[in-house]
Amino acid sequence: IWFAAAEDPVRRADALVIALRERLGLVEIQLEAHDDAQVIFETLNDRG
């Protein structure tokens, strides 16, 4: 539906790629050797 409404579908596809690569953010948490993965999993998932 979105591409059907575009004046220039190729330009829209290029804009989509830029948005996906550069405009979407996540917080990446990397555990280190002394971190307990199970405790962190429970803390994140056992509260509501």
ModelCIF file with pLDDT and N, C-alpha, C, O atoms, coordinates in Angstrom:
data_MODEL
#
_entry.id   MODEL 
#
_entity.id                         1 
_entity.type                       polymer 
_entity.pdbx_number_of_molecules   1 
#
_entity_poly.entity_id                      1 
_entity_poly.type                           'polypeptide(L)' 
_entity_poly.nstd_linkage                   no 
_entity_poly.nstd_monomer                   no 
_entity_poly.pdbx_seq_one_letter_code       IWFAAAEDPVRRADALVIALRERLGLVEIQLEAHDDAQVIFETLNDRG 
_entity_poly.pdbx_seq_one_letter_code_can   IWFAAAEDPVRRADALVIALRERLGLVEIQLEAHDDAQVIFETLNDRG 
_entity_poly.pdbx_strand_id                 A 
#
loop_
_entity_poly_seq.entity_id 
_entity_poly_seq.num 
_entity_poly_seq.mon_id 
_entity_poly_seq.hetero 
1 1  ILE n 
1 2  TRP n 
1 3  PHE n 
1 4  ALA n 
1 5  ALA n 
1 6  ALA n 
1 7  GLU n 
1 8  ASP n 
1 9  PRO n 
1 10 VAL n 
1 11 ARG n 
1 12 ARG n 
1 13 ALA n 
1 14 ASP n 
1 15 ALA n 
1 16 LEU n 
1 17 VAL n 
1 18 ILE n 
1 19 ALA n 
1 20 LEU n 
1 21 ARG n 
1 22 GLU n 
1 23 ARG n 
1 24 LEU n 
1 25 GLY n 
1 26 LEU n 
1 27 VAL n 
1 28 GLU n 
1 29 ILE n 
1 30 GLN n 
1 31 LEU n 
1 32 GLU n 
1 33 ALA n 
1 34 HIS n 
1 35 ASP n 
1 36 ASP n 
1 37 ALA n 
1 38 GLN n 
1 39 VAL n 
1 40 ILE n 
1 41 PHE n 
1 42 GLU n 
1 43 THR n 
1 44 LEU n 
1 45 ASN n 
1 46 ASP n 
1 47 ARG n 
1 48 GLY n 
#
_struct_asym.id          A 
_struct_asym.entity_id   1 
#
loop_
_ma_qa_metric.id 
_ma_qa_metric.mode 
_ma_qa_metric.name 
_ma_qa_metric.software_group_id 
_ma_qa_metric.type 
1 global pLDDT . pLDDT 
2 local  pLDDT . pLDDT 
#
_ma_qa_metric_global.metric_id      1 
_ma_qa_metric_global.metric_value   79.77 
_ma_qa_metric_global.model_id       1 
_ma_qa_metric_global.ordinal_id     1 
#
loop_
_ma_qa_metric_local.label_asym_id 
_ma_qa_metric_local.label_comp_id 
_ma_qa_metric_local.label_seq_id 
_ma_qa_metric_local.metric_id 
_ma_qa_metric_local.metric_value 
_ma_qa_metric_local.model_id 
_ma_qa_metric_local.ordinal_id 
A ILE 1  2 97.00 1 1  
A TRP 2  2 97.00 1 2  
A PHE 3  2 97.00 1 3  
A ALA 4  2 96.00 1 4  
A ALA 5  2 95.00 1 5  
A ALA 6  2 94.00 1 6  
A GLU 7  2 92.00 1 7  
A ASP 8  2 95.00 1 8  
A PRO 9  2 96.00 1 9  
A VAL 10 2 96.00 1 10 
A ARG 11 2 95.00 1 11 
A ARG 12 2 96.00 1 12 
A ALA 13 2 97.00 1 13 
A ASP 14 2 96.00 1 14 
A ALA 15 2 96.00 1 15 
A LEU 16 2 97.00 1 16 
A VAL 17 2 97.00 1 17 
A ILE 18 2 96.00 1 18 
A ALA 19 2 96.00 1 19 
A LEU 20 2 96.00 1 20 
A ARG 21 2 95.00 1 21 
A GLU 22 2 93.00 1 22 
A ARG 23 2 93.00 1 23 
A LEU 24 2 92.00 1 24 
A GLY 25 2 91.00 1 25 
A LEU 26 2 92.00 1 26 
A VAL 27 2 89.00 1 27 
A GLU 28 2 91.00 1 28 
A ILE 29 2 88.00 1 29 
A GLN 30 2 87.00 1 30 
A LEU 31 2 79.00 1 31 
A GLU 32 2 70.00 1 32 
A ALA 33 2 61.00 1 33 
A HIS 34 2 58.00 1 34 
A ASP 35 2 58.00 1 35 
A ASP 36 2 56.00 1 36 
A ALA 37 2 53.00 1 37 
A GLN 38 2 52.00 1 38 
A VAL 39 2 58.00 1 39 
A ILE 40 2 57.00 1 40 
A PHE 41 2 57.00 1 41 
A GLU 42 2 56.00 1 42 
A THR 43 2 55.00 1 43 
A LEU 44 2 55.00 1 44 
A ASN 45 2 54.00 1 45 
A ASP 46 2 45.00 1 46 
A ARG 47 2 41.00 1 47 
A GLY 48 2 36.00 1 48 
#
loop_
_atom_site.group_PDB 
_atom_site.id 
_atom_site.type_symbol 
_atom_site.label_atom_id 
_atom_site.label_alt_id 
_atom_site.label_comp_id 
_atom_site.label_asym_id 
_atom_site.label_entity_id 
_atom_site.label_seq_id 
_atom_site.pdbx_PDB_ins_code 
_atom_site.Cartn_x 
_atom_site.Cartn_y 
_atom_site.Cartn_z 
_atom_site.occupancy 
_atom_site.B_iso_or_equiv 
_atom_site.pdbx_formal_charge 
_atom_site.auth_seq_id 
_atom_site.auth_comp_id 
_atom_site.auth_asym_id 
_atom_site.auth_atom_id 
_atom_site.pdbx_PDB_model_num 
ATOM 1   N N  . ILE A 1 1  ? 0.838  -1.207  0.000  1.00 97.00 ? 1  ILE A N  1 
ATOM 2   C CA . ILE A 1 1  ? 0.000  0.000   0.000  1.00 97.00 ? 1  ILE A CA 1 
ATOM 3   C C  . ILE A 1 1  ? 0.869  1.251   0.000  1.00 97.00 ? 1  ILE A C  1 
ATOM 4   O O  . ILE A 1 1  ? 0.586  2.210   -0.719 1.00 97.00 ? 1  ILE A O  1 
ATOM 5   N N  . TRP A 1 2  ? 1.911  1.240   0.797  1.00 97.00 ? 2  TRP A N  1 
ATOM 6   C CA . TRP A 1 2  ? 2.786  2.409   0.959  1.00 97.00 ? 2  TRP A CA 1 
ATOM 7   C C  . TRP A 1 2  ? 3.525  2.725   -0.336 1.00 97.00 ? 2  TRP A C  1 
ATOM 8   O O  . TRP A 1 2  ? 3.612  3.885   -0.738 1.00 97.00 ? 2  TRP A O  1 
ATOM 9   N N  . PHE A 1 3  ? 4.057  1.694   -0.989 1.00 97.00 ? 3  PHE A N  1 
ATOM 10  C CA . PHE A 1 3  ? 4.774  1.924   -2.248 1.00 97.00 ? 3  PHE A CA 1 
ATOM 11  C C  . PHE A 1 3  ? 3.818  2.329   -3.372 1.00 97.00 ? 3  PHE A C  1 
ATOM 12  O O  . PHE A 1 3  ? 4.195  3.093   -4.261 1.00 97.00 ? 3  PHE A O  1 
ATOM 13  N N  . ALA A 1 4  ? 2.594  1.824   -3.336 1.00 96.00 ? 4  ALA A N  1 
ATOM 14  C CA . ALA A 1 4  ? 1.614  2.181   -4.374 1.00 96.00 ? 4  ALA A CA 1 
ATOM 15  C C  . ALA A 1 4  ? 1.293  3.669   -4.353 1.00 96.00 ? 4  ALA A C  1 
ATOM 16  O O  . ALA A 1 4  ? 0.915  4.242   -5.375 1.00 96.00 ? 4  ALA A O  1 
ATOM 17  N N  . ALA A 1 5  ? 1.444  4.295   -3.187 1.00 95.00 ? 5  ALA A N  1 
ATOM 18  C CA . ALA A 1 5  ? 1.132  5.720   -3.052 1.00 95.00 ? 5  ALA A CA 1 
ATOM 19  C C  . ALA A 1 5  ? 2.329  6.614   -3.361 1.00 95.00 ? 5  ALA A C  1 
ATOM 20  O O  . ALA A 1 5  ? 2.206  7.838   -3.308 1.00 95.00 ? 5  ALA A O  1 
ATOM 21  N N  . ALA A 1 6  ? 3.488  6.030   -3.683 1.00 94.00 ? 6  ALA A N  1 
ATOM 22  C CA . ALA A 1 6  ? 4.719  6.821   -3.879 1.00 94.00 ? 6  ALA A CA 1 
ATOM 23  C C  . ALA A 1 6  ? 4.788  7.402   -5.282 1.00 94.00 ? 6  ALA A C  1 
ATOM 24  O O  . ALA A 1 6  ? 4.433  6.733   -6.252 1.00 94.00 ? 6  ALA A O  1 
ATOM 25  N N  . GLU A 1 7  ? 5.246  8.651   -5.393 1.00 92.00 ? 7  GLU A N  1 
ATOM 26  C CA . GLU A 1 7  ? 5.494  9.258   -6.700 1.00 92.00 ? 7  GLU A CA 1 
ATOM 27  C C  . GLU A 1 7  ? 6.720  8.622   -7.350 1.00 92.00 ? 7  GLU A C  1 
ATOM 28  O O  . GLU A 1 7  ? 6.758  8.411   -8.562 1.00 92.00 ? 7  GLU A O  1 
ATOM 29  N N  . ASP A 1 8  ? 7.719  8.320   -6.522 1.00 95.00 ? 8  ASP A N  1 
ATOM 30  C CA . ASP A 1 8  ? 8.955  7.711   -7.020 1.00 95.00 ? 8  ASP A CA 1 
ATOM 31  C C  . ASP A 1 8  ? 9.292  6.519   -6.123 1.00 95.00 ? 8  ASP A C  1 
ATOM 32  O O  . ASP A 1 8  ? 9.968  6.694   -5.109 1.00 95.00 ? 8  ASP A O  1 
ATOM 33  N N  . PRO A 1 9  ? 8.830  5.296   -6.477 1.00 96.00 ? 9  PRO A N  1 
ATOM 34  C CA . PRO A 1 9  ? 9.030  4.117   -5.616 1.00 96.00 ? 9  PRO A CA 1 
ATOM 35  C C  . PRO A 1 9  ? 10.495 3.815   -5.312 1.00 96.00 ? 9  PRO A C  1 
ATOM 36  O O  . PRO A 1 9  ? 10.811 3.358   -4.214 1.00 96.00 ? 9  PRO A O  1 
ATOM 37  N N  . VAL A 1 10 ? 11.402 4.062   -6.271 1.00 96.00 ? 10 VAL A N  1 
ATOM 38  C CA . VAL A 1 10 ? 12.812 3.763   -6.027 1.00 96.00 ? 10 VAL A CA 1 
ATOM 39  C C  . VAL A 1 10 ? 13.368 4.709   -4.969 1.00 96.00 ? 10 VAL A C  1 
ATOM 40  O O  . VAL A 1 10 ? 14.088 4.288   -4.064 1.00 96.00 ? 10 VAL A O  1 
ATOM 41  N N  . ARG A 1 11 ? 13.029 5.987   -5.090 1.00 95.00 ? 11 ARG A N  1 
ATOM 42  C CA . ARG A 1 11 ? 13.494 6.941   -4.080 1.00 95.00 ? 11 ARG A CA 1 
ATOM 43  C C  . ARG A 1 11 ? 12.899 6.582   -2.717 1.00 95.00 ? 11 ARG A C  1 
ATOM 44  O O  . ARG A 1 11 ? 13.573 6.694   -1.693 1.00 95.00 ? 11 ARG A O  1 
ATOM 45  N N  . ARG A 1 12 ? 11.641 6.153   -2.707 1.00 96.00 ? 12 ARG A N  1 
ATOM 46  C CA . ARG A 1 12 ? 11.021 5.740   -1.439 1.00 96.00 ? 12 ARG A CA 1 
ATOM 47  C C  . ARG A 1 12 ? 11.745 4.532   -0.850 1.00 96.00 ? 12 ARG A C  1 
ATOM 48  O O  . ARG A 1 12 ? 11.933 4.456   0.364  1.00 96.00 ? 12 ARG A O  1 
ATOM 49  N N  . ALA A 1 13 ? 12.153 3.589   -1.696 1.00 97.00 ? 13 ALA A N  1 
ATOM 50  C CA . ALA A 1 13 ? 12.889 2.418   -1.212 1.00 97.00 ? 13 ALA A CA 1 
ATOM 51  C C  . ALA A 1 13 ? 14.231 2.829   -0.613 1.00 97.00 ? 13 ALA A C  1 
ATOM 52  O O  . ALA A 1 13 ? 14.642 2.303   0.421  1.00 97.00 ? 13 ALA A O  1 
ATOM 53  N N  . ASP A 1 14 ? 14.914 3.772   -1.269 1.00 96.00 ? 14 ASP A N  1 
ATOM 54  C CA . ASP A 1 14 ? 16.186 4.255   -0.729 1.00 96.00 ? 14 ASP A CA 1 
ATOM 55  C C  . ASP A 1 14 ? 15.986 4.937   0.623  1.00 96.00 ? 14 ASP A C  1 
ATOM 56  O O  . ASP A 1 14 ? 16.784 4.755   1.541  1.00 96.00 ? 14 ASP A O  1 
ATOM 57  N N  . ALA A 1 15 ? 14.909 5.729   0.739  1.00 96.00 ? 15 ALA A N  1 
ATOM 58  C CA . ALA A 1 15 ? 14.608 6.399   2.007  1.00 96.00 ? 15 ALA A CA 1 
ATOM 59  C C  . ALA A 1 15 ? 14.310 5.375   3.099  1.00 96.00 ? 15 ALA A C  1 
ATOM 60  O O  . ALA A 1 15 ? 14.702 5.543   4.254  1.00 96.00 ? 15 ALA A O  1 
ATOM 61  N N  . LEU A 1 16 ? 13.605 4.306   2.707  1.00 97.00 ? 16 LEU A N  1 
ATOM 62  C CA . LEU A 1 16 ? 13.290 3.250   3.667  1.00 97.00 ? 16 LEU A CA 1 
ATOM 63  C C  . LEU A 1 16 ? 14.563 2.616   4.214  1.00 97.00 ? 16 LEU A C  1 
ATOM 64  O O  . LEU A 1 16 ? 14.670 2.381   5.418  1.00 97.00 ? 16 LEU A O  1 
ATOM 65  N N  . VAL A 1 17 ? 15.514 2.341   3.355  1.00 97.00 ? 17 VAL A N  1 
ATOM 66  C CA . VAL A 1 17 ? 16.765 1.709   3.794  1.00 97.00 ? 17 VAL A CA 1 
ATOM 67  C C  . VAL A 1 17 ? 17.532 2.620   4.742  1.00 97.00 ? 17 VAL A C  1 
ATOM 68  O O  . VAL A 1 17 ? 18.051 2.170   5.763  1.00 97.00 ? 17 VAL A O  1 
ATOM 69  N N  . ILE A 1 18 ? 17.601 3.904   4.400  1.00 96.00 ? 18 ILE A N  1 
ATOM 70  C CA . ILE A 1 18 ? 18.298 4.846   5.291  1.00 96.00 ? 18 ILE A CA 1 
ATOM 71  C C  . ILE A 1 18 ? 17.623 4.882   6.651  1.00 96.00 ? 18 ILE A C  1 
ATOM 72  O O  . ILE A 1 18 ? 18.291 4.874   7.685  1.00 96.00 ? 18 ILE A O  1 
ATOM 73  N N  . ALA A 1 19 ? 16.298 4.921   6.648  1.00 96.00 ? 19 ALA A N  1 
ATOM 74  C CA . ALA A 1 19 ? 15.559 4.951   7.917  1.00 96.00 ? 19 ALA A CA 1 
ATOM 75  C C  . ALA A 1 19 ? 15.826 3.693   8.734  1.00 96.00 ? 19 ALA A C  1 
ATOM 76  O O  . ALA A 1 19 ? 16.054 3.761   9.942  1.00 96.00 ? 19 ALA A O  1 
ATOM 77  N N  . LEU A 1 20 ? 15.796 2.549   8.065  1.00 96.00 ? 20 LEU A N  1 
ATOM 78  C CA . LEU A 1 20 ? 16.024 1.289   8.781  1.00 96.00 ? 20 LEU A CA 1 
ATOM 79  C C  . LEU A 1 20 ? 17.436 1.224   9.354  1.00 96.00 ? 20 LEU A C  1 
ATOM 80  O O  . LEU A 1 20 ? 17.626 0.804   10.496 1.00 96.00 ? 20 LEU A O  1 
ATOM 81  N N  . ARG A 1 21 ? 18.404 1.628   8.585  1.00 95.00 ? 21 ARG A N  1 
ATOM 82  C CA . ARG A 1 21 ? 19.798 1.505   9.014  1.00 95.00 ? 21 ARG A CA 1 
ATOM 83  C C  . ARG A 1 21 ? 20.179 2.552   10.060 1.00 95.00 ? 21 ARG A C  1 
ATOM 84  O O  . ARG A 1 21 ? 20.912 2.254   11.003 1.00 95.00 ? 21 ARG A O  1 
ATOM 85  N N  . GLU A 1 22 ? 19.674 3.795   9.888  1.00 93.00 ? 22 GLU A N  1 
ATOM 86  C CA . GLU A 1 22 ? 20.235 4.899   10.662 1.00 93.00 ? 22 GLU A CA 1 
ATOM 87  C C  . GLU A 1 22 ? 19.255 5.586   11.610 1.00 93.00 ? 22 GLU A C  1 
ATOM 88  O O  . GLU A 1 22 ? 19.686 6.287   12.526 1.00 93.00 ? 22 GLU A O  1 
ATOM 89  N N  . ARG A 1 23 ? 17.966 5.408   11.418 1.00 93.00 ? 23 ARG A N  1 
ATOM 90  C CA . ARG A 1 23 ? 17.001 6.166   12.213 1.00 93.00 ? 23 ARG A CA 1 
ATOM 91  C C  . ARG A 1 23 ? 16.255 5.304   13.226 1.00 93.00 ? 23 ARG A C  1 
ATOM 92  O O  . ARG A 1 23 ? 15.389 5.806   13.943 1.00 93.00 ? 23 ARG A O  1 
ATOM 93  N N  . LEU A 1 24 ? 16.573 4.033   13.293 1.00 92.00 ? 24 LEU A N  1 
ATOM 94  C CA . LEU A 1 24 ? 15.963 3.153   14.298 1.00 92.00 ? 24 LEU A CA 1 
ATOM 95  C C  . LEU A 1 24 ? 17.014 2.841   15.364 1.00 92.00 ? 24 LEU A C  1 
ATOM 96  O O  . LEU A 1 24 ? 18.101 2.356   15.051 1.00 92.00 ? 24 LEU A O  1 
ATOM 97  N N  . GLY A 1 25 ? 16.684 3.119   16.608 1.00 91.00 ? 25 GLY A N  1 
ATOM 98  C CA . GLY A 1 25 ? 17.651 2.922   17.682 1.00 91.00 ? 25 GLY A CA 1 
ATOM 99  C C  . GLY A 1 25 ? 17.228 1.867   18.682 1.00 91.00 ? 25 GLY A C  1 
ATOM 100 O O  . GLY A 1 25 ? 16.039 1.699   18.954 1.00 91.00 ? 25 GLY A O  1 
ATOM 101 N N  . LEU A 1 26 ? 18.196 1.159   19.228 1.00 92.00 ? 26 LEU A N  1 
ATOM 102 C CA . LEU A 1 26 ? 17.970 0.193   20.296 1.00 92.00 ? 26 LEU A CA 1 
ATOM 103 C C  . LEU A 1 26 ? 19.015 0.413   21.386 1.00 92.00 ? 26 LEU A C  1 
ATOM 104 O O  . LEU A 1 26 ? 20.096 0.941   21.124 1.00 92.00 ? 26 LEU A O  1 
ATOM 105 N N  . VAL A 1 27 ? 18.692 0.014   22.583 1.00 89.00 ? 27 VAL A N  1 
ATOM 106 C CA . VAL A 1 27 ? 19.698 -0.050  23.634 1.00 89.00 ? 27 VAL A CA 1 
ATOM 107 C C  . VAL A 1 27 ? 20.244 -1.478  23.642 1.00 89.00 ? 27 VAL A C  1 
ATOM 108 O O  . VAL A 1 27 ? 19.517 -2.433  23.916 1.00 89.00 ? 27 VAL A O  1 
ATOM 109 N N  . GLU A 1 28 ? 21.528 -1.605  23.338 1.00 91.00 ? 28 GLU A N  1 
ATOM 110 C CA . GLU A 1 28 ? 22.181 -2.912  23.339 1.00 91.00 ? 28 GLU A CA 1 
ATOM 111 C C  . GLU A 1 28 ? 22.941 -3.070  24.658 1.00 91.00 ? 28 GLU A C  1 
ATOM 112 O O  . GLU A 1 28 ? 23.856 -2.304  24.960 1.00 91.00 ? 28 GLU A O  1 
ATOM 113 N N  . ILE A 1 29 ? 22.547 -4.063  25.420 1.00 88.00 ? 29 ILE A N  1 
ATOM 114 C CA . ILE A 1 29 ? 23.217 -4.364  26.686 1.00 88.00 ? 29 ILE A CA 1 
ATOM 115 C C  . ILE A 1 29 ? 24.020 -5.639  26.489 1.00 88.00 ? 29 ILE A C  1 
ATOM 116 O O  . ILE A 1 29 ? 23.459 -6.703  26.229 1.00 88.00 ? 29 ILE A O  1 
ATOM 117 N N  . GLN A 1 30 ? 25.328 -5.526  26.615 1.00 87.00 ? 30 GLN A N  1 
ATOM 118 C CA . GLN A 1 30 ? 26.176 -6.718  26.500 1.00 87.00 ? 30 GLN A CA 1 
ATOM 119 C C  . GLN A 1 30 ? 26.677 -7.109  27.885 1.00 87.00 ? 30 GLN A C  1 
ATOM 120 O O  . GLN A 1 30 ? 27.275 -6.308  28.603 1.00 87.00 ? 30 GLN A O  1 
ATOM 121 N N  . LEU A 1 31 ? 26.414 -8.364  28.235 1.00 79.00 ? 31 LEU A N  1 
ATOM 122 C CA . LEU A 1 31 ? 26.854 -8.855  29.533 1.00 79.00 ? 31 LEU A CA 1 
ATOM 123 C C  . LEU A 1 31 ? 28.355 -9.132  29.503 1.00 79.00 ? 31 LEU A C  1 
ATOM 124 O O  . LEU A 1 31 ? 28.931 -9.479  28.471 1.00 79.00 ? 31 LEU A O  1 
ATOM 125 N N  . GLU A 1 32 ? 28.960 -8.966  30.669 1.00 70.00 ? 32 GLU A N  1 
ATOM 126 C CA . GLU A 1 32 ? 30.377 -9.271  30.802 1.00 70.00 ? 32 GLU A CA 1 
ATOM 127 C C  . GLU A 1 32 ? 30.543 -10.559 31.589 1.00 70.00 ? 32 GLU A C  1 
ATOM 128 O O  . GLU A 1 32 ? 29.561 -11.129 32.064 1.00 70.00 ? 32 GLU A O  1 
ATOM 129 N N  . ALA A 1 33 ? 31.746 -11.009 31.726 1.00 61.00 ? 33 ALA A N  1 
ATOM 130 C CA . ALA A 1 33 ? 32.013 -12.354 32.254 1.00 61.00 ? 33 ALA A CA 1 
ATOM 131 C C  . ALA A 1 33 ? 31.404 -12.584 33.629 1.00 61.00 ? 33 ALA A C  1 
ATOM 132 O O  . ALA A 1 33 ? 30.945 -13.688 33.922 1.00 61.00 ? 33 ALA A O  1 
ATOM 133 N N  . HIS A 1 34 ? 31.391 -11.555 34.481 1.00 58.00 ? 34 HIS A N  1 
ATOM 134 C CA . HIS A 1 34 ? 30.920 -11.744 35.851 1.00 58.00 ? 34 HIS A CA 1 
ATOM 135 C C  . HIS A 1 34 ? 29.411 -11.560 35.988 1.00 58.00 ? 34 HIS A C  1 
ATOM 136 O O  . HIS A 1 34 ? 28.871 -11.786 37.071 1.00 58.00 ? 34 HIS A O  1 
ATOM 137 N N  . ASP A 1 35 ? 28.706 -11.155 34.914 1.00 58.00 ? 35 ASP A N  1 
ATOM 138 C CA . ASP A 1 35 ? 27.256 -10.939 34.990 1.00 58.00 ? 35 ASP A CA 1 
ATOM 139 C C  . ASP A 1 35 ? 26.521 -12.272 34.957 1.00 58.00 ? 35 ASP A C  1 
ATOM 140 O O  . ASP A 1 35 ? 26.894 -13.170 34.202 1.00 58.00 ? 35 ASP A O  1 
ATOM 141 N N  . ASP A 1 36 ? 25.472 -12.406 35.778 1.00 56.00 ? 36 ASP A N  1 
ATOM 142 C CA . ASP A 1 36 ? 24.650 -13.618 35.826 1.00 56.00 ? 36 ASP A CA 1 
ATOM 143 C C  . ASP A 1 36 ? 23.474 -13.440 34.867 1.00 56.00 ? 36 ASP A C  1 
ATOM 144 O O  . ASP A 1 36 ? 22.538 -12.693 35.150 1.00 56.00 ? 36 ASP A O  1 
ATOM 145 N N  . ALA A 1 37 ? 23.534 -14.138 33.727 1.00 53.00 ? 37 ALA A N  1 
ATOM 146 C CA . ALA A 1 37 ? 22.506 -13.974 32.695 1.00 53.00 ? 37 ALA A CA 1 
ATOM 147 C C  . ALA A 1 37 ? 21.114 -14.335 33.204 1.00 53.00 ? 37 ALA A C  1 
ATOM 148 O O  . ALA A 1 37 ? 20.135 -13.680 32.847 1.00 53.00 ? 37 ALA A O  1 
ATOM 149 N N  . GLN A 1 38 ? 21.019 -15.368 34.033 1.00 52.00 ? 38 GLN A N  1 
ATOM 150 C CA . GLN A 1 38 ? 19.707 -15.795 34.521 1.00 52.00 ? 38 GLN A CA 1 
ATOM 151 C C  . GLN A 1 38 ? 19.092 -14.741 35.448 1.00 52.00 ? 38 GLN A C  1 
ATOM 152 O O  . GLN A 1 38 ? 17.902 -14.444 35.346 1.00 52.00 ? 38 GLN A O  1 
ATOM 153 N N  . VAL A 1 39 ? 19.886 -14.187 36.333 1.00 58.00 ? 39 VAL A N  1 
ATOM 154 C CA . VAL A 1 39 ? 19.371 -13.154 37.238 1.00 58.00 ? 39 VAL A CA 1 
ATOM 155 C C  . VAL A 1 39 ? 18.868 -11.959 36.447 1.00 58.00 ? 39 VAL A C  1 
ATOM 156 O O  . VAL A 1 39 ? 17.816 -11.400 36.757 1.00 58.00 ? 39 VAL A O  1 
ATOM 157 N N  . ILE A 1 40 ? 19.622 -11.565 35.421 1.00 57.00 ? 40 ILE A N  1 
ATOM 158 C CA . ILE A 1 40 ? 19.214 -10.422 34.598 1.00 57.00 ? 40 ILE A CA 1 
ATOM 159 C C  . ILE A 1 40 ? 17.935 -10.741 33.837 1.00 57.00 ? 40 ILE A C  1 
ATOM 160 O O  . ILE A 1 40 ? 17.047 -9.895  33.738 1.00 57.00 ? 40 ILE A O  1 
ATOM 161 N N  . PHE A 1 41 ? 17.832 -11.948 33.299 1.00 57.00 ? 41 PHE A N  1 
ATOM 162 C CA . PHE A 1 41 ? 16.617 -12.362 32.590 1.00 57.00 ? 41 PHE A CA 1 
ATOM 163 C C  . PHE A 1 41 ? 15.407 -12.290 33.515 1.00 57.00 ? 41 PHE A C  1 
ATOM 164 O O  . PHE A 1 41 ? 14.359 -11.770 33.133 1.00 57.00 ? 41 PHE A O  1 
ATOM 165 N N  . GLU A 1 42 ? 15.551 -12.812 34.732 1.00 56.00 ? 42 GLU A N  1 
ATOM 166 C CA . GLU A 1 42 ? 14.443 -12.804 35.689 1.00 56.00 ? 42 GLU A CA 1 
ATOM 167 C C  . GLU A 1 42 ? 14.059 -11.380 36.073 1.00 56.00 ? 42 GLU A C  1 
ATOM 168 O O  . GLU A 1 42 ? 12.876 -11.055 36.172 1.00 56.00 ? 42 GLU A O  1 
ATOM 169 N N  . THR A 1 43 ? 15.055 -10.538 36.287 1.00 55.00 ? 43 THR A N  1 
ATOM 170 C CA . THR A 1 43 ? 14.785 -9.154  36.679 1.00 55.00 ? 43 THR A CA 1 
ATOM 171 C C  . THR A 1 43 ? 14.005 -8.431  35.589 1.00 55.00 ? 43 THR A C  1 
ATOM 172 O O  . THR A 1 43 ? 13.088 -7.663  35.879 1.00 55.00 ? 43 THR A O  1 
ATOM 173 N N  . LEU A 1 44 ? 14.371 -8.677  34.333 1.00 55.00 ? 44 LEU A N  1 
ATOM 174 C CA . LEU A 1 44 ? 13.706 -8.006  33.223 1.00 55.00 ? 44 LEU A CA 1 
ATOM 175 C C  . LEU A 1 44 ? 12.314 -8.563  32.951 1.00 55.00 ? 44 LEU A C  1 
ATOM 176 O O  . LEU A 1 44 ? 11.455 -7.851  32.430 1.00 55.00 ? 44 LEU A O  1 
ATOM 177 N N  . ASN A 1 45 ? 12.081 -9.826  33.297 1.00 54.00 ? 45 ASN A N  1 
ATOM 178 C CA . ASN A 1 45 ? 10.860 -10.496 32.847 1.00 54.00 ? 45 ASN A CA 1 
ATOM 179 C C  . ASN A 1 45 ? 9.908  -10.941 33.939 1.00 54.00 ? 45 ASN A C  1 
ATOM 180 O O  . ASN A 1 45 ? 8.826  -11.437 33.629 1.00 54.00 ? 45 ASN A O  1 
ATOM 181 N N  . ASP A 1 46 ? 10.262 -10.785 35.195 1.00 45.00 ? 46 ASP A N  1 
ATOM 182 C CA . ASP A 1 46 ? 9.382  -11.245 36.268 1.00 45.00 ? 46 ASP A CA 1 
ATOM 183 C C  . ASP A 1 46 ? 8.681  -10.076 36.960 1.00 45.00 ? 46 ASP A C  1 
ATOM 184 O O  . ASP A 1 46 ? 8.178  -10.219 38.074 1.00 45.00 ? 46 ASP A O  1 
ATOM 185 N N  . ARG A 1 47 ? 8.651  -8.916  36.293 1.00 41.00 ? 47 ARG A N  1 
ATOM 186 C CA . ARG A 1 47 ? 8.059  -7.744  36.943 1.00 41.00 ? 47 ARG A CA 1 
ATOM 187 C C  . ARG A 1 47 ? 7.069  -7.062  36.010 1.00 41.00 ? 47 ARG A C  1 
ATOM 188 O O  . ARG A 1 47 ? 7.382  -6.060  35.367 1.00 41.00 ? 47 ARG A O  1 
ATOM 189 N N  . GLY A 1 48 ? 5.875  -7.626  35.951 1.00 36.00 ? 48 GLY A N  1 
ATOM 190 C CA . GLY A 1 48 ? 4.790  -6.966  35.256 1.00 36.00 ? 48 GLY A CA 1 
ATOM 191 C C  . GLY A 1 48 ? 4.770  -7.119  33.748 1.00 36.00 ? 48 GLY A C  1 
ATOM 192 O O  . GLY A 1 48 ? 3.879  -6.587  33.085 1.00 36.00 ? 48 GLY A O  1 
#
